[in-house]
């Protein structure tokens, strides 16, 4: 499965880890001790998010590509 959702990645001093948010999937986020680990964890969480949404019959947003923030 290819992950095509936008990821927002930042360092959290509070958590002492990289945090990844997936804005198109409500509540979908992950973290990791390294940038690479955080992205890998996000990929797994995205797959799980989609699987659960399917099981519950909820809509799964299509990836929109690059989002622009004001």
C-alpha atoms as a PDB file:
ATOM      1  CA  UNK A   1       0.000   0.000   0.000  1.00  0.00           C
ATOM      2  CA  UNK A   2       1.426   3.326  -1.040  1.00  0.00           C
ATOM      3  CA  UNK A   3       0.908   6.138   1.450  1.00  0.00           C
ATOM      4  CA  UNK A   4      -0.030   9.327  -0.374  1.00  0.00           C
ATOM      5  CA  UNK A   5      -1.370  11.435   2.472  1.00  0.00           C
ATOM      6  CA  UNK A   6       0.415  14.599   3.503  1.00  0.00           C
ATOM      7  CA  UNK A   7       2.492  14.240   6.665  1.00  0.00           C
ATOM      8  CA  UNK A   8       3.374  17.086   9.009  1.00  0.00           C
ATOM      9  CA  UNK A   9       6.532  16.187  10.935  1.00  0.00           C
ATOM     10  CA  UNK A  10       8.001  18.158  13.807  1.00  0.00           C
ATOM     11  CA  UNK A  11      10.198  17.729  16.867  1.00  0.00           C
ATOM     12  CA  UNK A  12       8.458  17.815  20.253  1.00  0.00           C
ATOM     13  CA  UNK A  13      10.668  18.955  23.144  1.00  0.00           C
ATOM     14  CA  UNK A  14       7.925  17.890  25.547  1.00  0.00           C
ATOM     15  CA  UNK A  15       7.866  14.304  24.217  1.00  0.00           C
ATOM     16  CA  UNK A  16      11.536  14.210  23.158  1.00  0.00           C
ATOM     17  CA  UNK A  17      10.472  12.640  19.874  1.00  0.00           C
ATOM     18  CA  UNK A  18       9.466  13.437  16.315  1.00  0.00           C
ATOM     19  CA  UNK A  19       5.698  13.718  15.905  1.00  0.00           C
ATOM     20  CA  UNK A  20       3.869  13.026  12.646  1.00  0.00           C
ATOM     21  CA  UNK A  21       0.352  14.319  12.027  1.00  0.00           C
ATOM     22  CA  UNK A  22      -1.825  13.224   9.089  1.00  0.00           C
ATOM     23  CA  UNK A  23      -4.235  16.172   8.695  1.00  0.00           C
ATOM     24  CA  UNK A  24      -6.512  14.434   6.187  1.00  0.00           C
ATOM     25  CA  UNK A  25      -7.248  11.547   8.590  1.00  0.00           C
ATOM     26  CA  UNK A  26      -8.862  12.881  11.764  1.00  0.00           C
ATOM     27  CA  UNK A  27      -6.866  12.022  14.869  1.00  0.00           C
ATOM     28  CA  UNK A  28      -4.211  10.105  12.924  1.00  0.00           C
ATOM     29  CA  UNK A  29      -0.746  10.716  14.329  1.00  0.00           C
ATOM     30  CA  UNK A  30       2.390   8.865  15.384  1.00  0.00           C
ATOM     31  CA  UNK A  31       5.788   9.532  16.882  1.00  0.00           C
ATOM     32  CA  UNK A  32       9.297   8.101  16.990  1.00  0.00           C
ATOM     33  CA  UNK A  33      12.745   8.643  18.442  1.00  0.00           C
ATOM     34  CA  UNK A  34      14.113   9.364  14.958  1.00  0.00           C
ATOM     35  CA  UNK A  35      12.627  11.073  11.913  1.00  0.00           C
ATOM     36  CA  UNK A  36      12.689   7.787   9.993  1.00  0.00           C
ATOM     37  CA  UNK A  37      11.086   5.830  12.833  1.00  0.00           C
ATOM     38  CA  UNK A  38       8.336   8.439  13.159  1.00  0.00           C
ATOM     39  CA  UNK A  39       7.530   8.218   9.433  1.00  0.00           C
ATOM     40  CA  UNK A  40       7.535   4.400   9.539  1.00  0.00           C
ATOM     41  CA  UNK A  41       5.213   4.473  12.557  1.00  0.00           C
ATOM     42  CA  UNK A  42       2.937   6.931  10.744  1.00  0.00           C
ATOM     43  CA  UNK A  43       2.725   4.603   7.748  1.00  0.00           C
ATOM     44  CA  UNK A  44       1.584   1.790  10.044  1.00  0.00           C
ATOM     45  CA  UNK A  45      -0.933   4.026  11.836  1.00  0.00           C
ATOM     46  CA  UNK A  46      -2.361   5.199   8.489  1.00  0.00           C
ATOM     47  CA  UNK A  47      -2.897   1.576   7.414  1.00  0.00           C
ATOM     48  CA  UNK A  48      -4.614   0.803  10.723  1.00  0.00           C
ATOM     49  CA  UNK A  49      -6.736   3.971  10.504  1.00  0.00           C
ATOM     50  CA  UNK A  50      -7.952   2.946   7.038  1.00  0.00           C
ATOM     51  CA  UNK A  51      -8.632  -0.664   8.106  1.00  0.00           C
ATOM     52  CA  UNK A  52     -10.713   0.458  11.085  1.00  0.00           C
ATOM     53  CA  UNK A  53     -12.629   3.002   8.992  1.00  0.00           C
ATOM     54  CA  UNK A  54     -13.478   0.233   6.491  1.00  0.00           C
ATOM     55  CA  UNK A  55     -14.617  -2.101   9.288  1.00  0.00           C
ATOM     56  CA  UNK A  56     -16.866   0.629  10.685  1.00  0.00           C
ATOM     57  CA  UNK A  57     -18.197   1.592   7.251  1.00  0.00           C
ATOM     58  CA  UNK A  58     -16.836   5.107   7.541  1.00  0.00           C
ATOM     59  CA  UNK A  59     -15.669   7.146   4.548  1.00  0.00           C
ATOM     60  CA  UNK A  60     -11.959   7.169   3.770  1.00  0.00           C
ATOM     61  CA  UNK A  61     -10.765  10.502   2.393  1.00  0.00           C
ATOM     62  CA  UNK A  62      -8.876  10.425  -0.886  1.00  0.00           C
ATOM     63  CA  UNK A  63      -5.384  11.894  -0.571  1.00  0.00           C
ATOM     64  CA  UNK A  64      -5.510  15.498  -1.768  1.00  0.00           C
ATOM     65  CA  UNK A  65      -1.803  15.948  -2.259  1.00  0.00           C
ATOM     66  CA  UNK A  66      -0.097  19.048  -1.017  1.00  0.00           C
ATOM     67  CA  UNK A  67      -2.257  21.091   1.299  1.00  0.00           C
ATOM     68  CA  UNK A  68      -1.807  24.817   1.586  1.00  0.00           C
ATOM     69  CA  UNK A  69      -2.114  26.547   4.929  1.00  0.00           C
ATOM     70  CA  UNK A  70      -2.773  30.214   5.411  1.00  0.00           C
END
